Amino acid sequence: MPTSIRLDPETDRALEELARRSSSTRSELVRRAIRDLLDREQLSPYERVSDLIGSVTGGPPDLSESTGRRFRELLAERKG
């Protein structure tokens, strides 16, 4: 089904360059971008970041436990 879109000159140039580099048509790139956007929109917030969970290493092992304690200490110091 034919669809017409209007692009600003910068986006149009970028699309043209990407099509040239990837040996794809502009239409194929737009279709792929729309499909990718639709796929992402259907993910839950957890699914969007699930690949990041557990990916950080280092730091104190009790960070989540000591954070609450340290926060209470900071509040107590401010009070006086």
PDB file of N, CA and C in Angstrom:
ATOM      1  N   MET A   1       0.843  -1.166   0.000  1.00  0.00           N
ATOM      2  CA  MET A   1       0.000   0.000   0.000  1.00  0.00           C
ATOM      3  C   MET A   1       0.896   1.238   0.000  1.00  0.00           C
ATOM      4  N   PRO A   2       0.783   2.090  -0.964  1.00  0.00           N
ATOM      5  CA  PRO A   2       1.613   3.292  -1.038  1.00  0.00           C
ATOM      6  C   PRO A   2       1.286   4.272   0.090  1.00  0.00           C
ATOM      7  N   THR A   3       2.337   4.813   0.676  1.00  0.00           N
ATOM      8  CA  THR A   3       2.205   5.828   1.724  1.00  0.00           C
ATOM      9  C   THR A   3       3.224   6.913   1.445  1.00  0.00           C
ATOM     10  N   SER A   4       2.834   8.132   1.663  1.00  0.00           N
ATOM     11  CA  SER A   4       3.730   9.253   1.422  1.00  0.00           C
ATOM     12  C   SER A   4       4.112   9.877   2.753  1.00  0.00           C
ATOM     13  N   ILE A   5       5.395  10.190   2.919  1.00  0.00           N
ATOM     14  CA  ILE A   5       5.850  10.879   4.128  1.00  0.00           C
ATOM     15  C   ILE A   5       6.703  12.070   3.717  1.00  0.00           C
ATOM     16  N   ARG A   6       6.763  13.060   4.589  1.00  0.00           N
ATOM     17  CA  ARG A   6       7.597  14.230   4.342  1.00  0.00           C
ATOM     18  C   ARG A   6       8.749  14.203   5.344  1.00  0.00           C
ATOM     19  N   LEU A   7       9.957  14.348   4.834  1.00  0.00           N
ATOM     20  CA  LEU A   7      11.142  14.356   5.669  1.00  0.00           C
ATOM     21  C   LEU A   7      11.834  15.704   5.572  1.00  0.00           C
ATOM     22  N   ASP A   8      12.427  16.125   6.675  1.00  0.00           N
ATOM     23  CA  ASP A   8      13.231  17.336   6.609  1.00  0.00           C
ATOM     24  C   ASP A   8      14.495  17.010   5.808  1.00  0.00           C
ATOM     25  N   PRO A   9      15.156  18.005   5.252  1.00  0.00           N
ATOM     26  CA  PRO A   9      16.318  17.750   4.383  1.00  0.00           C
ATOM     27  C   PRO A   9      17.415  16.922   5.052  1.00  0.00           C
ATOM     28  N   GLU A  10      17.685  17.173   6.320  1.00  0.00           N
ATOM     29  CA  GLU A  10      18.743  16.426   7.012  1.00  0.00           C
ATOM     30  C   GLU A  10      18.402  14.942   7.117  1.00  0.00           C
ATOM     31  N   THR A  11      17.165  14.634   7.489  1.00  0.00           N
ATOM     32  CA  THR A  11      16.735  13.239   7.604  1.00  0.00           C
ATOM     33  C   THR A  11      16.718  12.574   6.239  1.00  0.00           C
ATOM     34  N   ASP A  12      16.291  13.314   5.229  1.00  0.00           N
ATOM     35  CA  ASP A  12      16.260  12.782   3.869  1.00  0.00           C
ATOM     36  C   ASP A  12      17.666  12.406   3.400  1.00  0.00           C
ATOM     37  N   ARG A  13      18.636  13.289   3.663  1.00  0.00           N
ATOM     38  CA  ARG A  13      20.028  12.991   3.277  1.00  0.00           C
ATOM     39  C   ARG A  13      20.557  11.777   4.044  1.00  0.00           C
ATOM     40  N   ALA A  14      20.243  11.708   5.335  1.00  0.00           N
ATOM     41  CA  ALA A  14      20.708  10.585   6.151  1.00  0.00           C
ATOM     42  C   ALA A  14      20.103   9.273   5.662  1.00  0.00           C
ATOM     43  N   LEU A  15      18.826   9.289   5.315  1.00  0.00           N
ATOM     44  CA  LEU A  15      18.161   8.096   4.799  1.00  0.00           C
ATOM     45  C   LEU A  15      18.779   7.666   3.474  1.00  0.00           C
ATOM     46  N   GLU A  16      19.044   8.631   2.621  1.00  0.00           N
ATOM     47  CA  GLU A  16      19.651   8.331   1.319  1.00  0.00           C
ATOM     48  C   GLU A  16      21.035   7.709   1.502  1.00  0.00           C
ATOM     49  N   GLU A  17      21.826   8.273   2.400  1.00  0.00           N
ATOM     50  CA  GLU A  17      23.175   7.751   2.658  1.00  0.00           C
ATOM     51  C   GLU A  17      23.114   6.345   3.255  1.00  0.00           C
ATOM     52  N   LEU A  18      22.204   6.139   4.197  1.00  0.00           N
ATOM     53  CA  LEU A  18      22.053   4.812   4.794  1.00  0.00           C
ATOM     54  C   LEU A  18      21.618   3.785   3.756  1.00  0.00           C
ATOM     55  N   ALA A  19      20.723   4.169   2.876  1.00  0.00           N
ATOM     56  CA  ALA A  19      20.275   3.265   1.812  1.00  0.00           C
ATOM     57  C   ALA A  19      21.442   2.900   0.904  1.00  0.00           C
ATOM     58  N   ARG A  20      22.249   3.879   0.586  1.00  0.00           N
ATOM     59  CA  ARG A  20      23.401   3.631  -0.283  1.00  0.00           C
ATOM     60  C   ARG A  20      24.406   2.690   0.395  1.00  0.00           C
ATOM     61  N   ARG A  21      24.716   2.964   1.678  1.00  0.00           N
ATOM     62  CA  ARG A  21      25.702   2.145   2.400  1.00  0.00           C
ATOM     63  C   ARG A  21      25.219   0.724   2.647  1.00  0.00           C
ATOM     64  N   SER A  22      23.924   0.557   2.868  1.00  0.00           N
ATOM     65  CA  SER A  22      23.396  -0.763   3.207  1.00  0.00           C
ATOM     66  C   SER A  22      22.860  -1.518   1.997  1.00  0.00           C
ATOM     67  N   SER A  23      22.967  -0.922   0.835  1.00  0.00           N
ATOM     68  CA  SER A  23      22.438  -1.529  -0.398  1.00  0.00           C
ATOM     69  C   SER A  23      20.971  -1.906  -0.250  1.00  0.00           C
ATOM     70  N   SER A  24      20.221  -1.044   0.430  1.00  0.00           N
ATOM     71  CA  SER A  24      18.782  -1.229   0.602  1.00  0.00           C
ATOM     72  C   SER A  24      18.072  -0.056  -0.054  1.00  0.00           C
ATOM     73  N   THR A  25      16.787  -0.209  -0.216  1.00  0.00           N
ATOM     74  CA  THR A  25      16.006   0.921  -0.714  1.00  0.00           C
ATOM     75  C   THR A  25      15.571   1.781   0.465  1.00  0.00           C
ATOM     76  N   ARG A  26      15.256   3.006   0.166  1.00  0.00           N
ATOM     77  CA  ARG A  26      14.741   3.893   1.207  1.00  0.00           C
ATOM     78  C   ARG A  26      13.460   3.309   1.805  1.00  0.00           C
ATOM     79  N   SER A  27      12.617   2.756   0.952  1.00  0.00           N
ATOM     80  CA  SER A  27      11.359   2.180   1.423  1.00  0.00           C
ATOM     81  C   SER A  27      11.601   1.026   2.392  1.00  0.00           C
ATOM     82  N   GLU A  28      12.573   0.168   2.068  1.00  0.00           N
ATOM     83  CA  GLU A  28      12.869  -0.960   2.947  1.00  0.00           C
ATOM     84  C   GLU A  28      13.367  -0.472   4.304  1.00  0.00           C
ATOM     85  N   LEU A  29      14.195   0.545   4.300  1.00  0.00           N
ATOM     86  CA  LEU A  29      14.693   1.082   5.567  1.00  0.00           C
ATOM     87  C   LEU A  29      13.569   1.686   6.404  1.00  0.00           C
ATOM     88  N   VAL A  30      12.650   2.395   5.770  1.00  0.00           N
ATOM     89  CA  VAL A  30      11.518   2.974   6.494  1.00  0.00           C
ATOM     90  C   VAL A  30      10.631   1.863   7.049  1.00  0.00           C
ATOM     91  N   ARG A  31      10.359   0.824   6.240  1.00  0.00           N
ATOM     92  CA  ARG A  31       9.549  -0.299   6.731  1.00  0.00           C
ATOM     93  C   ARG A  31      10.212  -0.968   7.937  1.00  0.00           C
ATOM     94  N   ARG A  32      11.537  -1.178   7.837  1.00  0.00           N
ATOM     95  CA  ARG A  32      12.271  -1.825   8.924  1.00  0.00           C
ATOM     96  C   ARG A  32      12.223  -0.965  10.197  1.00  0.00           C
ATOM     97  N   ALA A  33      12.383   0.340  10.038  1.00  0.00           N
ATOM     98  CA  ALA A  33      12.350   1.247  11.193  1.00  0.00           C
ATOM     99  C   ALA A  33      10.975   1.230  11.861  1.00  0.00           C
ATOM    100  N   ILE A  34       9.931   1.203  11.064  1.00  0.00           N
ATOM    101  CA  ILE A  34       8.571   1.166  11.624  1.00  0.00           C
ATOM    102  C   ILE A  34       8.336  -0.152  12.352  1.00  0.00           C
ATOM    103  N   ARG A  35       8.768  -1.272  11.752  1.00  0.00           N
ATOM    104  CA  ARG A  35       8.610  -2.575  12.426  1.00  0.00           C
ATOM    105  C   ARG A  35       9.378  -2.607  13.744  1.00  0.00           C
ATOM    106  N   ASP A  36      10.606  -2.084  13.737  1.00  0.00           N
ATOM    107  CA  ASP A  36      11.407  -2.051  14.967  1.00  0.00           C
ATOM    108  C   ASP A  36      10.732  -1.213  16.048  1.00  0.00           C
ATOM    109  N   LEU A  37      10.193  -0.071  15.659  1.00  0.00           N
ATOM    110  CA  LEU A  37       9.494   0.788  16.608  1.00  0.00           C
ATOM    111  C   LEU A  37       8.268   0.084  17.180  1.00  0.00           C
ATOM    112  N   LEU A  38       7.512  -0.568  16.323  1.00  0.00           N
ATOM    113  CA  LEU A  38       6.325  -1.296  16.796  1.00  0.00           C
ATOM    114  C   LEU A  38       6.715  -2.430  17.745  1.00  0.00           C
ATOM    115  N   ASP A  39       7.787  -3.149  17.432  1.00  0.00           N
ATOM    116  CA  ASP A  39       8.255  -4.222  18.312  1.00  0.00           C
ATOM    117  C   ASP A  39       8.652  -3.681  19.677  1.00  0.00           C
ATOM    118  N   ARG A  40       9.369  -2.556  19.694  1.00  0.00           N
ATOM    119  CA  ARG A  40       9.806  -1.963  20.963  1.00  0.00           C
ATOM    120  C   ARG A  40       8.631  -1.470  21.782  1.00  0.00           C
ATOM    121  N   GLU A  41       7.649  -0.897  21.121  1.00  0.00           N
ATOM    122  CA  GLU A  41       6.492  -0.347  21.829  1.00  0.00           C
ATOM    123  C   GLU A  41       5.679  -1.440  22.521  1.00  0.00           C
ATOM    124  N   GLN A  42       5.780  -2.666  22.026  1.00  0.00           N
ATOM    125  CA  GLN A  42       5.007  -3.761  22.606  1.00  0.00           C
ATOM    126  C   GLN A  42       5.710  -4.412  23.787  1.00  0.00           C
ATOM    127  N   LEU A  43       6.947  -4.000  24.070  1.00  0.00           N
ATOM    128  CA  LEU A  43       7.689  -4.571  25.182  1.00  0.00           C
ATOM    129  C   LEU A  43       7.315  -3.881  26.484  1.00  0.00           C
ATOM    130  N   SER A  44       7.319  -4.635  27.568  1.00  0.00           N
ATOM    131  CA  SER A  44       7.105  -4.043  28.878  1.00  0.00           C
ATOM    132  C   SER A  44       8.378  -3.298  29.280  1.00  0.00           C
ATOM    133  N   PRO A  45       8.292  -2.393  30.257  1.00  0.00           N
ATOM    134  CA  PRO A  45       9.511  -1.716  30.714  1.00  0.00           C
ATOM    135  C   PRO A  45      10.592  -2.705  31.153  1.00  0.00           C
ATOM    136  N   TYR A  46      10.195  -3.787  31.817  1.00  0.00           N
ATOM    137  CA  TYR A  46      11.172  -4.803  32.230  1.00  0.00           C
ATOM    138  C   TYR A  46      11.865  -5.423  31.017  1.00  0.00           C
ATOM    139  N   GLU A  47      11.085  -5.774  29.997  1.00  0.00           N
ATOM    140  CA  GLU A  47      11.660  -6.404  28.808  1.00  0.00           C
ATOM    141  C   GLU A  47      12.631  -5.465  28.087  1.00  0.00           C
ATOM    142  N   ARG A  48      12.378  -4.168  28.166  1.00  0.00           N
ATOM    143  CA  ARG A  48      13.246  -3.198  27.497  1.00  0.00           C
ATOM    144  C   ARG A  48      14.634  -3.139  28.121  1.00  0.00           C
ATOM    145  N   VAL A  49      14.730  -3.416  29.418  1.00  0.00           N
ATOM    146  CA  VAL A  49      16.030  -3.326  30.090  1.00  0.00           C
ATOM    147  C   VAL A  49      16.531  -4.668  30.601  1.00  0.00           C
ATOM    148  N   SER A  50      15.842  -5.749  30.269  1.00  0.00           N
ATOM    149  CA  SER A  50      16.199  -7.053  30.830  1.00  0.00           C
ATOM    150  C   SER A  50      17.630  -7.464  30.491  1.00  0.00           C
ATOM    151  N   ASP A  51      18.154  -7.040  29.352  1.00  0.00           N
ATOM    152  CA  ASP A  51      19.525  -7.399  29.003  1.00  0.00           C
ATOM    153  C   ASP A  51      20.541  -6.647  29.861  1.00  0.00           C
ATOM    154  N   LEU A  52      20.121  -5.581  30.523  1.00  0.00           N
ATOM    155  CA  LEU A  52      21.022  -4.817  31.379  1.00  0.00           C
ATOM    156  C   LEU A  52      21.043  -5.321  32.813  1.00  0.00           C
ATOM    157  N   ILE A  53      19.979  -5.991  33.233  1.00  0.00           N
ATOM    158  CA  ILE A  53      19.878  -6.451  34.608  1.00  0.00           C
ATOM    159  C   ILE A  53      20.963  -7.488  34.885  1.00  0.00           C
ATOM    160  N   GLY A  54      21.742  -7.225  35.907  1.00  0.00           N
ATOM    161  CA  GLY A  54      22.821  -8.128  36.271  1.00  0.00           C
ATOM    162  C   GLY A  54      24.077  -7.956  35.449  1.00  0.00           C
ATOM    163  N   SER A  55      24.126  -6.935  34.608  1.00  0.00           N
ATOM    164  CA  SER A  55      25.289  -6.774  33.728  1.00  0.00           C
ATOM    165  C   SER A  55      26.398  -5.936  34.362  1.00  0.00           C
ATOM    166  N   VAL A  56      26.110  -5.301  35.488  1.00  0.00           N
ATOM    167  CA  VAL A  56      27.110  -4.469  36.149  1.00  0.00           C
ATOM    168  C   VAL A  56      27.807  -5.285  37.216  1.00  0.00           C
ATOM    169  N   THR A  57      29.115  -5.214  37.209  1.00  0.00           N
ATOM    170  CA  THR A  57      29.888  -5.923  38.220  1.00  0.00           C
ATOM    171  C   THR A  57      30.706  -4.920  39.015  1.00  0.00           C
ATOM    172  N   GLY A  58      31.125  -5.335  40.177  1.00  0.00           N
ATOM    173  CA  GLY A  58      31.925  -4.465  41.025  1.00  0.00           C
ATOM    174  C   GLY A  58      31.056  -3.733  42.015  1.00  0.00           C
ATOM    175  N   GLY A  59      31.687  -2.934  42.835  1.00  0.00           N
ATOM    176  CA  GLY A  59      30.961  -2.215  43.868  1.00  0.00           C
ATOM    177  C   GLY A  59      30.763  -3.098  45.077  1.00  0.00           C
ATOM    178  N   PRO A  60      30.373  -2.490  46.193  1.00  0.00           N
ATOM    179  CA  PRO A  60      30.188  -3.276  47.412  1.00  0.00           C
ATOM    180  C   PRO A  60      29.020  -4.252  47.272  1.00  0.00           C
ATOM    181  N   PRO A  61      29.184  -5.477  47.784  1.00  0.00           N
ATOM    182  CA  PRO A  61      28.117  -6.471  47.637  1.00  0.00           C
ATOM    183  C   PRO A  61      26.856  -6.129  48.422  1.00  0.00           C
ATOM    184  N   ASP A  62      26.972  -5.268  49.443  1.00  0.00           N
ATOM    185  CA  ASP A  62      25.797  -4.923  50.251  1.00  0.00           C
ATOM    186  C   ASP A  62      25.266  -3.536  49.917  1.00  0.00           C
ATOM    187  N   LEU A  63      25.496  -3.095  48.694  1.00  0.00           N
ATOM    188  CA  LEU A  63      25.150  -1.729  48.317  1.00  0.00           C
ATOM    189  C   LEU A  63      23.690  -1.400  48.595  1.00  0.00           C
ATOM    190  N   SER A  64      22.783  -2.262  48.208  1.00  0.00           N
ATOM    191  CA  SER A  64      21.365  -1.950  48.407  1.00  0.00           C
ATOM    192  C   SER A  64      21.012  -1.931  49.889  1.00  0.00           C
ATOM    193  N   GLU A  65      21.667  -2.736  50.686  1.00  0.00           N
ATOM    194  CA  GLU A  65      21.398  -2.753  52.121  1.00  0.00           C
ATOM    195  C   GLU A  65      21.988  -1.526  52.807  1.00  0.00           C
ATOM    196  N   SER A  66      23.207  -1.175  52.439  1.00  0.00           N
ATOM    197  CA  SER A  66      23.867  -0.061  53.119  1.00  0.00           C
ATOM    198  C   SER A  66      23.360   1.290  52.633  1.00  0.00           C
ATOM    199  N   THR A  67      22.734   1.345  51.475  1.00  0.00           N
ATOM    200  CA  THR A  67      22.232   2.609  50.963  1.00  0.00           C
ATOM    201  C   THR A  67      21.163   3.182  51.887  1.00  0.00           C
ATOM    202  N   GLY A  68      20.234   2.354  52.314  1.00  0.00           N
ATOM    203  CA  GLY A  68      19.181   2.822  53.224  1.00  0.00           C
ATOM    204  C   GLY A  68      19.757   3.306  54.541  1.00  0.00           C
ATOM    205  N   ARG A  69      20.709   2.573  55.071  1.00  0.00           N
ATOM    206  CA  ARG A  69      21.341   2.958  56.334  1.00  0.00           C
ATOM    207  C   ARG A  69      22.070   4.281  56.164  1.00  0.00           C
ATOM    208  N   ARG A  70      22.840   4.406  55.093  1.00  0.00           N
ATOM    209  CA  ARG A  70      23.598   5.631  54.850  1.00  0.00           C
ATOM    210  C   ARG A  70      22.668   6.819  54.635  1.00  0.00           C
ATOM    211  N   PHE A  71      21.548   6.613  53.974  1.00  0.00           N
ATOM    212  CA  PHE A  71      20.577   7.681  53.764  1.00  0.00           C
ATOM    213  C   PHE A  71      20.026   8.172  55.103  1.00  0.00           C
ATOM    214  N   ARG A  72      19.691   7.244  55.982  1.00  0.00           N
ATOM    215  CA  ARG A  72      19.194   7.630  57.307  1.00  0.00           C
ATOM    216  C   ARG A  72      20.248   8.423  58.068  1.00  0.00           C
ATOM    217  N   GLU A  73      21.508   8.014  57.952  1.00  0.00           N
ATOM    218  CA  GLU A  73      22.594   8.733  58.621  1.00  0.00           C
ATOM    219  C   GLU A  73      22.724  10.156  58.084  1.00  0.00           C
ATOM    220  N   LEU A  74      22.623  10.317  56.775  1.00  0.00           N
ATOM    221  CA  LEU A  74      22.709  11.656  56.183  1.00  0.00           C
ATOM    222  C   LEU A  74      21.566  12.551  56.664  1.00  0.00           C
ATOM    223  N   LEU A  75      20.362  11.992  56.750  1.00  0.00           N
ATOM    224  CA  LEU A  75      19.219  12.780  57.248  1.00  0.00           C
ATOM    225  C   LEU A  75      19.438  13.181  58.692  1.00  0.00           C
ATOM    226  N   ALA A  76      19.954  12.263  59.493  1.00  0.00           N
ATOM    227  CA  ALA A  76      20.212  12.561  60.898  1.00  0.00           C
ATOM    228  C   ALA A  76      21.259  13.660  61.026  1.00  0.00           C
ATOM    229  N   GLU A  77      22.289  13.626  60.191  1.00  0.00           N
ATOM    230  CA  GLU A  77      23.331  14.655  60.224  1.00  0.00           C
ATOM    231  C   GLU A  77      22.753  16.028  59.872  1.00  0.00           C
ATOM    232  N   ARG A  78      21.838  16.068  58.921  1.00  0.00           N
ATOM    233  CA  ARG A  78      21.240  17.341  58.514  1.00  0.00           C
ATOM    234  C   ARG A  78      20.368  17.915  59.618  1.00  0.00           C
ATOM    235  N   LYS A  79      19.680  17.015  60.345  1.00  0.00           N
ATOM    236  CA  LYS A  79      18.813  17.474  61.421  1.00  0.00           C
ATOM    237  C   LYS A  79      19.622  18.105  62.552  1.00  0.00           C
ATOM    238  N   GLY A  80      20.800  17.598  62.711  1.00  0.00           N
ATOM    239  CA  GLY A  80      21.560  18.265  63.676  1.00  0.00           C
ATOM    240  C   GLY A  80      22.365  17.647  64.656  1.00  0.00           C
TER     241      GLY A  80
END
